[in-house]
Amino acid sequence: MGGIYKPVGAAKQSGVQQNFFKVGTGYLFISVQAAHV
């Protein structure tokens, strides 16, 4: 059972980390743009 679910959990976790990274860079970009205005 663990062998089936482990890769799925890892894939979900990496997907979540990618989402956080995208959101983080998005906020950084917006804050940089706002600072330049």
C-alpha atoms as a PDB file:
ATOM      1  CA  MET A   1       0.000   0.000   0.000  1.00  0.00           C
ATOM      2  CA  GLY A   2       2.778   2.437   0.947  1.00  0.00           C
ATOM      3  CA  GLY A   3       4.565   1.680  -2.335  1.00  0.00           C
ATOM      4  CA  ILE A   4       1.515   2.810  -4.316  1.00  0.00           C
ATOM      5  CA  TYR A   5       0.729   5.928  -2.321  1.00  0.00           C
ATOM      6  CA  LYS A   6       4.251   7.226  -1.668  1.00  0.00           C
ATOM      7  CA  PRO A   7       4.997   8.458  -5.230  1.00  0.00           C
ATOM      8  CA  VAL A   8       1.541  10.056  -5.428  1.00  0.00           C
ATOM      9  CA  GLY A   9       2.160  11.914  -2.168  1.00  0.00           C
ATOM     10  CA  ALA A  10       5.583  13.057  -3.386  1.00  0.00           C
ATOM     11  CA  ALA A  11       4.115  14.283  -6.680  1.00  0.00           C
ATOM     12  CA  LYS A  12       1.379  16.173  -4.832  1.00  0.00           C
ATOM     13  CA  GLN A  13       3.941  17.744  -2.494  1.00  0.00           C
ATOM     14  CA  SER A  14       6.185  18.873  -5.354  1.00  0.00           C
ATOM     15  CA  GLY A  15       3.129  20.291  -7.144  1.00  0.00           C
ATOM     16  CA  VAL A  16       2.204  22.258  -4.029  1.00  0.00           C
ATOM     17  CA  GLN A  17       5.785  23.531  -3.743  1.00  0.00           C
ATOM     18  CA  GLN A  18       5.681  24.651  -7.383  1.00  0.00           C
ATOM     19  CA  ASN A  19       2.399  26.475  -6.725  1.00  0.00           C
ATOM     20  CA  PHE A  20       3.899  28.272  -3.727  1.00  0.00           C
ATOM     21  CA  PHE A  21       6.929  29.191  -5.827  1.00  0.00           C
ATOM     22  CA  LYS A  22       4.723  30.589  -8.618  1.00  0.00           C
ATOM     23  CA  VAL A  23       2.593  32.557  -6.150  1.00  0.00           C
ATOM     24  CA  GLY A  24       5.704  33.805  -4.339  1.00  0.00           C
ATOM     25  CA  THR A  25       7.396  35.012  -7.527  1.00  0.00           C
ATOM     26  CA  GLY A  26       4.088  36.551  -8.653  1.00  0.00           C
ATOM     27  CA  TYR A  27       3.809  38.552  -5.430  1.00  0.00           C
ATOM     28  CA  LEU A  28       7.468  39.543  -5.691  1.00  0.00           C
ATOM     29  CA  PHE A  29       6.942  40.757  -9.273  1.00  0.00           C
ATOM     30  CA  ILE A  30       3.827  42.733  -8.281  1.00  0.00           C
ATOM     31  CA  SER A  31       5.551  44.313  -5.267  1.00  0.00           C
ATOM     32  CA  VAL A  32       8.566  45.259  -7.422  1.00  0.00           C
ATOM     33  CA  GLN A  33       6.258  46.809 -10.029  1.00  0.00           C
ATOM     34  CA  ALA A  34       4.386  48.714  -7.298  1.00  0.00           C
ATOM     35  CA  ALA A  35       7.705  49.958  -5.861  1.00  0.00           C
ATOM     36  CA  HIS A  36       8.690  51.373  -9.264  1.00  0.00           C
ATOM     37  CA  VAL A  37       5.404  53.255  -9.740  1.00  0.00           C
END
